[in-house]
Amino acid sequence: MSFNIALSGLAAAQKDLDTTANNIANVNTTGFKESRAEFADVYAGSIFSPGRTKVGDGVATSQVAQQFSQGALKFTSNSLDMAITGDGFFALTPDLASKDLTYTRAGAFKLSKDNFVVDNNGNFLQGYPVDPSTGSASSISLSTTKPIQIPSTAGAPRSTQNVYLTMNLNATQMPVTIPLPVFNPLDKATYNAGATTSTTVYDSLGEPHILSFYFRRTATATDNNWEVYGVFDDKTAIPPAAGAYFGPVTLDFDANGVPTLPTATSLPDLVLPQAVINTPAYLTNGAQFTSALTVNFGNAAGTNFPTQYSSKFEIGSLSQDGTTVGRLTSIDIDAAGKVMASYSNGDQTFLSQITLAKFANPQGLTQAGNTAWKASLRSGEALAGEANSGTLGSINSSALESSNVNLTNELVDLIAAQRNFQANSRALEVNSSLQQTVLQIR
């Protein structure tokens, strides 16, 4: 029996050495979690055995338990490198249609040839579907996740329908002359100096056009009215009757320099009729505008409006809702795992929200290799959730989680395991000597 006890000690010491060696070997493996060999004594008894004098039957390896403590963060310059600070795991699938999920803490992701976000082994990172404009996830469930793909373009162009403009008009400027001359965008004497601006608008094919605005004070010094003219692509050679300019519309301000109420009356829209701007005089590329082009004197939210104060002419906000075809310029991932793509045409679109999952008993996960795990009966089912909520933790973009192995502790454990192995070897040798002594008795 003593032979078996010593042999079980040798096997346990060997298991301890193997576990420690594996930890040391993976000290630089991203997302690796150290293991700990856990042992239990072996005791076999029965109702007829003398329990008070019974000796144990050795030792057995109870479990090689992984320790899911947080590893240190290592920051990088790749926005697709991600680290979780919390209890969550990234979810991966081996192919596009599969729902065979594996889970990992190694966030060294990159793009595949088809622009899908994958790990080093080609597994696809899963994300929740989101609203492209707000980033709100439409479903938080593992059954609805799908691989995250980064499109290289912003999609089809969109013709401009609305321009939003706010500015300050200089109250100290007077009318250019009385009576006012006929407006001519080529003659600076027909509008107030410096009171001009322009923006780019897009037709249905994504071709840019310049829409310019000219402002001039009307009538007397006590008159707080301003005329606004619009010129499309500097088509000044077209006779005024054919639409060399659009407008004017009159902006009306009160004595405090703000629009008189109601705003809809004091700040009328400047409209470029669809039937006019879709003619060959303005568009020669076969494109069109899908509706009239409306200039709104206010921001898109309807919270800010033009003013007339005694300060220089300046633009408060100027935007429009059309786009040309854009190329991908950057990918941003926030702490909640929302993936946003920015394009060269100014578009910013939410693409997905990275799926995180957690387990009631992470130590019950089954190792799948390549720093990945699978759910098991002991771990419990994966619980899906959003990053930056609960204990799932937040996502750090441009960072990787290092191995949580403490090399100093592992080297000490290695020495202890070696001593343990030597001691059990000595016990086996002593048992052999005792048996040899008994065999030599005559």
Protein backbone atom coordinates (compact mmCIF):
# COMPACT_ATOMS: atom_id res chain seq x y z
CA MET A 1 0.00 0.00 0.00
CA SER A 2 2.82 2.40 0.82
CA PHE A 3 4.08 2.01 -2.74
CA ASN A 4 0.73 3.19 -4.07
CA ILE A 5 0.67 6.13 -1.67
CA ALA A 6 4.13 7.27 -2.79
CA LEU A 7 3.19 6.78 -6.45
CA SER A 8 0.06 8.92 -5.99
CA GLY A 9 2.27 11.61 -4.43
CA LEU A 10 4.61 11.44 -7.42
CA ALA A 11 1.66 11.77 -9.81
CA ALA A 12 0.30 14.75 -7.90
CA ALA A 13 3.70 16.44 -7.80
CA GLN A 14 4.06 15.84 -11.54
CA LYS A 15 0.63 17.39 -12.15
CA ASP A 16 1.66 20.40 -10.08
CA LEU A 17 4.89 20.71 -12.09
CA ASP A 18 2.97 20.45 -15.38
CA THR A 19 0.47 23.10 -14.33
CA THR A 20 3.18 25.49 -13.20
CA ALA A 21 5.21 24.91 -16.37
CA ASN A 22 2.13 25.65 -18.49
CA ASN A 23 1.56 28.90 -16.61
CA ILE A 24 5.17 29.95 -17.15
CA ALA A 25 5.02 29.03 -20.84
CA ASN A 26 1.98 31.31 -21.32
CA VAL A 27 3.22 34.30 -19.36
CA ASN A 28 3.07 36.41 -22.56
CA THR A 29 -0.13 34.92 -24.03
CA THR A 30 -2.81 37.59 -24.43
CA GLY A 31 -5.94 36.85 -22.39
CA PHE A 32 -4.44 33.72 -20.78
CA LYS A 33 -5.70 32.74 -17.32
CA GLU A 34 -3.37 30.89 -14.98
CA SER A 35 -4.29 27.46 -13.64
CA ARG A 36 -3.93 25.98 -10.19
CA ALA A 37 -3.67 22.27 -9.46
CA GLU A 38 -5.99 21.39 -6.57
CA PHE A 39 -5.57 18.11 -4.68
CA ALA A 40 -7.60 15.96 -2.28
CA ASP A 41 -6.60 13.12 -0.05
CA VAL A 42 -7.78 9.58 -0.88
CA TYR A 43 -9.50 7.75 1.95
CA ALA A 44 -11.28 4.45 1.44
CA GLY A 45 -13.13 3.00 4.40
CA SER A 46 -16.08 0.83 5.28
CA ILE A 47 -18.34 0.26 8.29
CA PHE A 48 -16.01 -2.53 9.44
CA SER A 49 -12.73 -0.65 9.07
CA PRO A 50 -10.96 0.73 12.16
CA GLY A 51 -11.50 4.40 11.43
CA ARG A 52 -9.32 5.66 14.29
CA THR A 53 -6.26 3.86 12.99
CA LYS A 54 -6.98 3.95 9.27
CA VAL A 55 -4.22 5.56 7.18
CA GLY A 56 -5.12 7.47 4.03
CA ASP A 57 -4.54 5.97 0.60
CA GLY A 58 -2.61 8.85 -0.94
CA VAL A 59 -3.52 11.92 -2.94
CA ALA A 60 -5.51 12.58 -6.12
CA THR A 61 -5.81 15.60 -8.39
CA SER A 62 -9.19 17.08 -7.64
CA GLN A 63 -9.18 19.74 -10.37
CA VAL A 64 -6.93 21.95 -12.44
CA ALA A 65 -8.84 25.18 -11.83
CA GLN A 66 -8.29 28.30 -13.90
CA GLN A 67 -8.09 31.58 -12.06
CA PHE A 68 -10.09 34.32 -13.84
CA SER A 69 -8.52 37.30 -12.12
CA GLN A 70 -8.05 40.49 -14.13
CA GLY A 71 -4.87 40.75 -16.17
CA ALA A 72 -2.98 44.00 -16.67
CA LEU A 73 -3.85 46.16 -19.69
CA LYS A 74 -1.31 46.75 -22.43
CA PHE A 75 -2.19 49.68 -24.71
CA THR A 76 -1.70 49.55 -28.48
CA SER A 77 -2.34 51.72 -31.55
CA ASN A 78 -4.89 49.34 -33.13
CA SER A 79 -8.52 50.31 -32.46
CA LEU A 80 -9.61 46.68 -33.02
CA ASP A 81 -7.50 45.54 -30.07
CA MET A 82 -9.90 45.27 -27.14
CA ALA A 83 -9.61 44.41 -23.46
CA ILE A 84 -12.40 43.78 -20.95
CA THR A 85 -12.17 45.18 -17.44
CA GLY A 86 -14.74 43.03 -15.67
CA ASP A 87 -16.14 39.50 -15.76
CA GLY A 88 -17.31 39.41 -19.38
CA PHE A 89 -16.13 37.30 -22.32
CA PHE A 90 -16.13 38.02 -26.05
CA ALA A 91 -18.34 35.64 -28.07
CA LEU A 92 -16.94 33.99 -31.22
CA THR A 93 -18.22 31.61 -33.91
CA PRO A 94 -16.12 29.53 -36.33
CA ASP A 95 -18.11 30.58 -39.42
CA LEU A 96 -20.75 33.08 -40.51
CA ALA A 97 -23.82 30.85 -40.09
CA SER A 98 -22.72 28.93 -36.99
CA LYS A 99 -24.15 29.37 -33.50
CA ASP A 100 -21.45 27.18 -31.94
CA LEU A 101 -20.17 29.86 -29.60
CA THR A 102 -16.80 29.94 -27.93
CA TYR A 103 -15.74 32.59 -25.43
CA THR A 104 -12.46 34.38 -24.98
CA ARG A 105 -10.73 37.22 -23.16
CA ALA A 106 -8.08 37.61 -25.88
CA GLY A 107 -9.10 40.73 -27.78
CA ALA A 108 -6.45 40.85 -30.53
CA PHE A 109 -8.91 41.28 -33.41
CA LYS A 110 -8.34 42.25 -37.02
CA LEU A 111 -10.23 42.41 -40.33
CA SER A 112 -10.62 39.42 -42.63
CA LYS A 113 -10.46 39.71 -46.42
CA ASP A 114 -14.23 40.29 -46.37
CA ASN A 115 -13.99 43.02 -43.70
CA PHE A 116 -15.33 40.87 -40.86
CA VAL A 117 -13.79 41.31 -37.40
CA VAL A 118 -11.97 38.06 -36.57
CA ASP A 119 -9.42 36.75 -34.10
CA ASN A 120 -6.05 35.21 -34.94
CA ASN A 121 -7.72 31.90 -35.80
CA GLY A 122 -10.35 33.36 -38.11
CA ASN A 123 -13.23 33.09 -35.62
CA PHE A 124 -15.88 35.78 -36.06
CA LEU A 125 -16.53 38.32 -33.29
CA GLN A 126 -20.24 38.53 -32.49
CA GLY A 127 -22.28 41.70 -32.00
CA TYR A 128 -25.84 42.78 -31.33
CA PRO A 129 -27.80 44.51 -34.13
CA VAL A 130 -28.16 48.26 -33.50
CA ASP A 131 -29.93 51.34 -34.82
CA PRO A 132 -27.43 52.94 -37.27
CA SER A 133 -28.14 56.47 -36.07
CA THR A 134 -28.41 56.04 -32.28
CA GLY A 135 -26.43 52.85 -31.62
CA SER A 136 -29.22 51.40 -29.44
CA ALA A 137 -29.20 47.60 -29.50
CA SER A 138 -32.45 46.13 -30.81
CA SER A 139 -31.96 42.80 -28.99
CA ILE A 140 -29.72 41.57 -26.17
CA SER A 141 -29.70 37.84 -26.84
CA LEU A 142 -27.09 35.35 -28.00
CA SER A 143 -29.61 33.97 -30.50
CA THR A 144 -29.73 37.28 -32.39
CA THR A 145 -26.00 38.03 -32.52
CA LYS A 146 -24.23 38.14 -35.85
CA PRO A 147 -20.64 38.59 -37.05
CA ILE A 148 -19.47 42.21 -37.11
CA GLN A 149 -18.60 43.48 -40.57
CA ILE A 150 -16.99 46.83 -41.32
CA PRO A 151 -18.19 48.19 -44.71
CA SER A 152 -15.53 50.09 -46.61
CA THR A 153 -17.98 52.62 -48.11
CA ALA A 154 -20.85 54.67 -46.70
CA GLY A 155 -23.31 53.25 -49.23
CA ALA A 156 -25.26 54.98 -51.98
CA PRO A 157 -25.12 58.78 -52.21
CA ARG A 158 -28.08 60.79 -50.98
CA SER A 159 -29.23 64.05 -52.54
CA THR A 160 -29.54 67.07 -50.26
CA GLN A 161 -33.06 68.01 -49.24
CA ASN A 162 -32.40 70.40 -46.34
CA VAL A 163 -29.72 72.91 -45.43
CA TYR A 164 -29.63 74.22 -41.85
CA LEU A 165 -28.04 77.64 -41.30
CA THR A 166 -27.65 79.92 -38.28
CA MET A 167 -25.50 83.06 -38.16
CA ASN A 168 -25.14 86.47 -36.62
CA LEU A 169 -25.80 89.47 -38.86
CA ASN A 170 -23.88 92.61 -37.95
CA ALA A 171 -26.43 95.16 -36.63
CA THR A 172 -24.00 98.04 -37.27
CA GLN A 173 -24.02 97.48 -41.03
CA MET A 174 -26.23 99.82 -43.06
CA PRO A 175 -27.94 99.28 -46.42
CA VAL A 176 -25.48 99.51 -49.29
CA THR A 177 -27.46 102.36 -50.91
CA ILE A 178 -30.95 103.79 -50.80
CA PRO A 179 -32.83 102.79 -52.83
CA LEU A 180 -31.39 99.27 -52.92
CA PRO A 181 -29.76 98.30 -56.22
CA VAL A 182 -30.69 95.17 -58.16
CA PHE A 183 -28.87 92.25 -56.55
CA ASN A 184 -25.95 90.91 -58.55
CA PRO A 185 -23.66 88.28 -56.96
CA LEU A 186 -20.83 89.55 -59.18
CA ASP A 187 -21.18 93.10 -57.86
CA LYS A 188 -20.09 93.51 -54.24
CA ALA A 189 -21.83 96.87 -54.12
CA THR A 190 -25.22 95.13 -54.19
CA TYR A 191 -24.85 93.30 -50.84
CA ASN A 192 -23.19 93.97 -47.49
CA ALA A 193 -19.45 93.39 -47.37
CA GLY A 194 -18.41 90.20 -45.62
CA ALA A 195 -21.99 88.96 -45.24
CA THR A 196 -21.63 85.89 -47.43
CA THR A 197 -21.13 82.18 -46.86
CA SER A 198 -21.53 78.91 -48.76
CA THR A 199 -21.96 75.18 -48.29
CA THR A 200 -21.65 72.02 -50.35
CA VAL A 201 -24.79 70.13 -51.36
CA TYR A 202 -25.05 66.81 -53.24
CA ASP A 203 -27.21 65.57 -56.10
CA SER A 204 -28.53 62.00 -56.46
CA LEU A 205 -25.22 60.76 -57.90
CA GLY A 206 -23.21 62.23 -55.05
CA GLU A 207 -21.66 65.03 -57.12
CA PRO A 208 -20.99 68.14 -55.02
CA HIS A 209 -22.43 71.57 -55.81
CA ILE A 210 -21.74 74.91 -54.13
CA LEU A 211 -24.72 76.78 -52.70
CA SER A 212 -23.76 80.38 -51.79
CA PHE A 213 -25.68 82.82 -49.61
CA TYR A 214 -25.62 86.63 -49.78
CA PHE A 215 -27.10 88.93 -47.12
CA ARG A 216 -27.97 92.63 -47.28
CA ARG A 217 -29.64 95.06 -44.91
CA THR A 218 -32.78 96.70 -46.26
CA ALA A 219 -34.34 100.19 -46.04
CA THR A 220 -33.31 102.37 -43.06
CA ALA A 221 -30.98 102.16 -40.08
CA THR A 222 -33.90 101.35 -37.81
CA ASP A 223 -35.08 98.51 -40.03
CA ASN A 224 -33.99 95.12 -38.67
CA ASN A 225 -34.78 93.27 -41.89
CA TRP A 226 -32.25 91.44 -44.03
CA GLU A 227 -32.64 89.95 -47.48
CA VAL A 228 -31.08 86.55 -48.27
CA TYR A 229 -30.22 85.40 -51.79
CA GLY A 230 -29.02 81.99 -52.88
CA VAL A 231 -26.78 81.18 -55.85
CA PHE A 232 -26.34 77.60 -57.09
CA ASP A 233 -22.90 76.68 -58.47
CA ASP A 234 -22.20 80.33 -59.35
CA LYS A 235 -24.62 80.16 -62.29
CA THR A 236 -24.39 83.91 -62.63
CA ALA A 237 -24.36 83.84 -66.42
CA ILE A 238 -28.00 82.72 -66.46
CA PRO A 239 -30.31 85.71 -66.80
CA PRO A 240 -32.11 86.56 -63.55
CA ALA A 241 -35.43 85.59 -65.07
CA ALA A 242 -34.13 82.05 -65.56
CA GLY A 243 -32.85 81.87 -61.99
CA ALA A 244 -29.38 83.36 -61.68
CA TYR A 245 -30.22 83.54 -57.99
CA PHE A 246 -32.94 82.25 -55.70
CA GLY A 247 -34.90 84.46 -53.36
CA PRO A 248 -34.82 86.81 -51.79
CA VAL A 249 -36.46 85.93 -48.51
CA THR A 250 -36.57 88.48 -45.70
CA LEU A 251 -35.33 87.74 -42.18
CA ASP A 252 -36.98 89.92 -39.52
CA PHE A 253 -35.40 90.65 -36.13
CA ASP A 254 -36.76 92.61 -33.17
CA ALA A 255 -35.01 95.30 -31.14
CA ASN A 256 -33.20 92.63 -29.09
CA GLY A 257 -31.59 91.12 -32.18
CA VAL A 258 -33.60 87.89 -32.14
CA PRO A 259 -36.26 86.75 -34.63
CA THR A 260 -39.67 88.27 -34.13
CA LEU A 261 -42.39 85.82 -33.22
CA PRO A 262 -43.60 83.57 -34.65
CA THR A 263 -40.28 82.24 -35.99
CA ALA A 264 -41.89 80.61 -39.03
CA THR A 265 -42.97 84.07 -40.21
CA SER A 266 -39.86 86.04 -39.31
CA LEU A 267 -37.48 83.39 -40.72
CA PRO A 268 -39.10 81.99 -43.88
CA ASP A 269 -37.34 79.16 -45.73
CA LEU A 270 -35.33 79.84 -48.86
CA VAL A 271 -36.53 77.21 -51.35
CA LEU A 272 -34.76 76.10 -54.54
CA PRO A 273 -37.62 74.49 -56.51
CA GLN A 274 -37.01 70.96 -57.73
CA ALA A 275 -38.36 71.78 -61.19
CA VAL A 276 -35.74 74.53 -61.57
CA ILE A 277 -32.57 72.93 -60.20
CA ASN A 278 -33.22 69.66 -62.07
CA THR A 279 -32.97 71.42 -65.44
CA PRO A 280 -29.87 71.18 -67.69
CA ALA A 281 -29.05 74.76 -66.76
CA TYR A 282 -27.96 73.45 -63.34
CA LEU A 283 -27.40 69.69 -63.68
CA THR A 284 -25.55 68.28 -66.68
CA ASN A 285 -24.49 64.87 -65.32
CA GLY A 286 -27.81 63.03 -65.55
CA ALA A 287 -28.43 63.40 -61.82
CA GLN A 288 -31.34 65.03 -60.05
CA PHE A 289 -32.52 66.32 -56.71
CA THR A 290 -35.25 64.10 -55.29
CA SER A 291 -37.10 67.07 -53.82
CA ALA A 292 -36.89 70.82 -53.54
CA LEU A 293 -33.75 72.05 -51.78
CA THR A 294 -34.90 73.90 -48.66
CA VAL A 295 -32.67 76.25 -46.67
CA ASN A 296 -33.88 76.34 -43.05
CA PHE A 297 -32.73 79.28 -40.95
CA GLY A 298 -32.14 77.35 -37.73
CA ASN A 299 -30.25 74.27 -36.64
CA ALA A 300 -31.51 70.75 -37.37
CA ALA A 301 -32.87 70.37 -33.82
CA GLY A 302 -34.83 73.61 -34.07
CA THR A 303 -33.25 75.03 -30.92
CA ASN A 304 -30.96 77.76 -32.33
CA PHE A 305 -31.81 80.55 -34.77
CA PRO A 306 -30.03 83.47 -36.50
CA THR A 307 -29.38 86.67 -34.53
CA GLN A 308 -28.65 90.31 -35.30
CA TYR A 309 -26.23 91.68 -32.71
CA SER A 310 -23.62 94.42 -32.87
CA SER A 311 -20.77 92.08 -33.68
CA LYS A 312 -19.17 90.84 -36.86
CA PHE A 313 -20.90 88.47 -39.26
CA GLU A 314 -20.20 84.88 -38.24
CA ILE A 315 -21.69 81.45 -38.83
CA GLY A 316 -23.23 79.66 -35.85
CA SER A 317 -23.99 76.34 -37.57
CA LEU A 318 -24.16 75.15 -41.16
CA SER A 319 -25.11 71.58 -42.13
CA GLN A 320 -27.00 69.64 -44.77
CA ASP A 321 -28.48 66.14 -45.04
CA GLY A 322 -27.00 64.88 -48.32
CA THR A 323 -23.95 62.69 -48.80
CA THR A 324 -21.60 61.56 -51.49
CA VAL A 325 -20.05 58.09 -51.50
CA GLY A 326 -17.59 57.99 -48.60
CA ARG A 327 -14.58 55.82 -47.83
CA LEU A 328 -13.92 54.42 -44.39
CA THR A 329 -11.55 56.64 -42.42
CA SER A 330 -11.71 55.30 -38.86
CA ILE A 331 -13.37 52.86 -36.48
CA ASP A 332 -14.22 53.89 -32.92
CA ILE A 333 -15.33 51.56 -30.13
CA ASP A 334 -16.61 53.02 -26.87
CA ALA A 335 -16.70 51.52 -23.36
CA ALA A 336 -20.18 50.08 -24.03
CA GLY A 337 -18.87 48.19 -27.07
CA LYS A 338 -20.67 50.31 -29.66
CA VAL A 339 -18.81 50.18 -32.97
CA MET A 340 -19.00 53.39 -35.01
CA ALA A 341 -17.57 53.87 -38.50
CA SER A 342 -16.52 57.31 -39.75
CA TYR A 343 -16.35 58.01 -43.48
CA SER A 344 -14.66 60.62 -45.66
CA ASN A 345 -18.03 62.18 -46.56
CA GLY A 346 -18.70 63.05 -42.93
CA ASP A 347 -21.09 60.17 -42.25
CA GLN A 348 -20.85 58.43 -38.89
CA THR A 349 -22.76 55.15 -38.59
CA PHE A 350 -23.17 52.71 -35.72
CA LEU A 351 -22.47 49.21 -37.05
CA SER A 352 -22.94 46.92 -34.07
CA GLN A 353 -22.55 46.52 -30.32
CA ILE A 354 -20.01 43.95 -29.23
CA THR A 355 -21.55 40.95 -27.46
CA LEU A 356 -20.36 40.18 -23.95
CA ALA A 357 -21.30 37.11 -21.93
CA LYS A 358 -20.68 35.97 -18.36
CA PHE A 359 -21.08 32.73 -16.41
CA ALA A 360 -22.24 31.82 -12.92
CA ASN A 361 -19.15 29.62 -12.51
CA PRO A 362 -16.33 30.60 -14.90
CA GLN A 363 -14.08 27.88 -13.44
CA GLY A 364 -16.52 25.33 -14.84
CA LEU A 365 -15.82 26.40 -18.44
CA THR A 366 -14.31 23.79 -20.73
CA GLN A 367 -11.04 24.79 -22.35
CA ALA A 368 -11.18 24.78 -26.14
CA GLY A 369 -7.59 25.87 -26.82
CA ASN A 370 -6.31 29.09 -28.37
CA THR A 371 -7.30 30.97 -25.19
CA ALA A 372 -10.97 30.11 -25.67
CA TRP A 373 -13.58 28.28 -23.61
CA LYS A 374 -16.95 26.63 -24.11
CA ALA A 375 -19.93 26.57 -21.79
CA SER A 376 -20.51 23.36 -19.79
CA LEU A 377 -22.92 21.99 -17.21
CA ARG A 378 -20.58 23.13 -14.45
CA SER A 379 -20.23 26.69 -15.78
CA GLY A 380 -23.93 27.21 -16.42
CA GLU A 381 -25.42 28.86 -19.48
CA ALA A 382 -23.89 31.98 -20.93
CA LEU A 383 -25.67 35.15 -19.79
CA ALA A 384 -25.59 37.78 -22.54
CA GLY A 385 -25.45 41.47 -21.75
CA GLU A 386 -24.14 44.88 -22.74
CA ALA A 387 -20.67 46.11 -21.84
CA ASN A 388 -20.45 48.81 -19.20
CA SER A 389 -23.38 47.31 -17.28
CA GLY A 390 -23.47 45.08 -14.23
CA THR A 391 -20.39 42.94 -13.65
CA LEU A 392 -19.73 42.35 -17.34
CA GLY A 393 -17.26 45.22 -17.32
CA SER A 394 -16.32 47.83 -19.89
CA ILE A 395 -14.45 47.49 -23.16
CA ASN A 396 -11.14 49.28 -23.62
CA SER A 397 -10.35 49.89 -27.28
CA SER A 398 -6.69 49.96 -28.38
CA ALA A 399 -5.72 47.76 -25.43
CA LEU A 400 -5.04 44.08 -24.75
CA GLU A 401 -5.39 42.13 -21.53
CA SER A 402 -2.11 40.50 -20.59
CA SER A 403 -1.79 37.08 -19.01
CA ASN A 404 -2.60 37.12 -15.29
CA VAL A 405 0.37 34.84 -14.52
CA ASN A 406 2.65 36.14 -11.76
CA LEU A 407 6.04 34.85 -12.84
CA THR A 408 7.65 35.25 -9.40
CA ASN A 409 4.93 33.18 -7.73
CA GLU A 410 5.16 30.52 -10.43
CA LEU A 411 8.91 30.13 -9.98
CA VAL A 412 8.41 29.69 -6.22
CA ASP A 413 5.65 27.14 -6.90
CA LEU A 414 7.97 25.34 -9.29
CA ILE A 415 10.60 24.93 -6.56
CA ALA A 416 7.95 23.69 -4.10
CA ALA A 417 6.61 21.16 -6.64
CA GLN A 418 10.14 19.95 -7.31
CA ARG A 419 10.78 19.43 -3.60
CA ASN A 420 7.49 17.59 -3.29
CA PHE A 421 8.44 15.31 -6.17
CA GLN A 422 11.81 14.60 -4.58
CA ALA A 423 10.21 13.82 -1.22
CA ASN A 424 7.77 11.35 -2.77
CA SER A 425 10.61 9.78 -4.73
CA ARG A 426 12.47 9.36 -1.45
CA ALA A 427 9.40 7.73 0.12
CA LEU A 428 9.23 5.30 -2.79
CA GLU A 429 12.93 4.52 -2.39
CA VAL A 430 12.54 3.90 1.37
CA ASN A 431 9.61 1.55 0.73
CA SER A 432 11.70 -0.34 -1.78
CA SER A 433 14.54 -0.66 0.75
CA LEU A 434 12.19 -1.94 3.46
CA GLN A 435 10.76 -4.58 1.16
CA GLN A 436 14.25 -5.58 0.16
CA THR A 437 15.19 -5.95 3.82
CA VAL A 438 12.15 -8.15 4.49
CA LEU A 439 12.98 -10.36 1.50
CA GLN A 440 16.52 -10.88 2.87
CA ILE A 441 15.35 -12.19 6.27
CA ARG A 442 16.31 -15.88 6.70
